[in-house]
Amino acid sequence: MFDFGESLADFSEKYPVCRKEAWVKRNLRCAIFKKNYIFLYKLVKNELVIFNVVHVRTIA
């Protein structure tokens, strides 16, 4: 999981902006990890910041 998080820095634009309204307002991107987890991240001053890692089942 840590390796995947670090790899996001190389391809930060690869994943789309999240669809959930609260996340869209914050301009977060969603990267799916092994179909069970979502990394919520965005670029802040040319640095990738991971805001949260969410299990898919907790999203309503």
Protein backbone atom coordinates (compact mmCIF):
# COMPACT_ATOMS: atom_id res chain seq x y z
CA MET A 1 0.00 0.00 0.00
CA PHE A 2 2.88 2.38 0.80
CA ASP A 3 4.49 1.70 -2.58
CA PHE A 4 1.23 2.51 -4.36
CA GLY A 5 0.94 5.78 -2.44
CA GLU A 6 4.47 6.75 -3.38
CA SER A 7 3.87 5.85 -7.03
CA LEU A 8 1.05 8.40 -7.23
CA ALA A 9 3.66 11.16 -7.29
CA ASP A 10 4.93 9.90 -10.66
CA PHE A 11 1.50 9.78 -12.32
CA SER A 12 -0.57 12.22 -10.27
CA GLU A 13 -2.80 13.23 -13.22
CA LYS A 14 -3.55 9.62 -14.16
CA TYR A 15 -6.57 9.29 -11.87
CA PRO A 16 -9.78 11.33 -12.24
CA VAL A 17 -11.27 13.89 -9.90
CA CYS A 18 -13.56 12.11 -7.42
CA ARG A 19 -17.28 11.99 -8.12
CA LYS A 20 -18.56 12.38 -4.57
CA GLU A 21 -19.78 15.96 -4.16
CA ALA A 22 -17.87 16.69 -0.94
CA TRP A 23 -14.64 15.51 -2.56
CA VAL A 24 -15.29 17.42 -5.80
CA LYS A 25 -15.54 20.67 -3.81
CA ARG A 26 -12.05 20.01 -2.41
CA ASN A 27 -10.75 19.04 -5.89
CA LEU A 28 -9.56 15.63 -4.66
CA ARG A 29 -8.54 12.85 -6.99
CA CYS A 30 -9.47 9.21 -6.37
CA ALA A 31 -7.06 6.36 -7.02
CA ILE A 32 -8.40 2.83 -6.58
CA PHE A 33 -6.07 0.37 -4.85
CA LYS A 34 -6.79 -3.37 -5.16
CA LYS A 35 -10.55 -2.73 -5.62
CA ASN A 36 -10.99 -2.20 -1.86
CA TYR A 37 -9.36 1.12 -1.04
CA ILE A 38 -9.51 4.64 -2.43
CA PHE A 39 -6.62 7.05 -2.03
CA LEU A 40 -7.88 10.65 -1.83
CA TYR A 41 -5.15 13.03 -2.95
CA LYS A 42 -4.34 16.25 -4.76
CA LEU A 43 -1.38 18.34 -5.77
CA VAL A 44 -0.58 21.23 -3.44
CA LYS A 45 2.22 23.54 -4.58
CA ASN A 46 3.72 20.81 -6.80
CA GLU A 47 3.66 18.25 -3.97
CA LEU A 48 1.33 15.28 -3.85
CA VAL A 49 -0.66 15.20 -0.61
CA ILE A 50 -2.65 12.09 0.32
CA PHE A 51 -5.55 13.29 2.45
CA ASN A 52 -7.12 9.93 3.27
CA VAL A 53 -7.31 6.25 2.42
CA VAL A 54 -10.90 5.01 2.52
CA HIS A 55 -12.29 1.47 2.39
CA VAL A 56 -14.82 1.18 -0.45
CA ARG A 57 -17.56 -0.24 1.79
CA THR A 58 -17.60 2.85 4.01
CA ILE A 59 -18.72 5.10 1.14
CA ALA A 60 -22.46 5.59 0.96
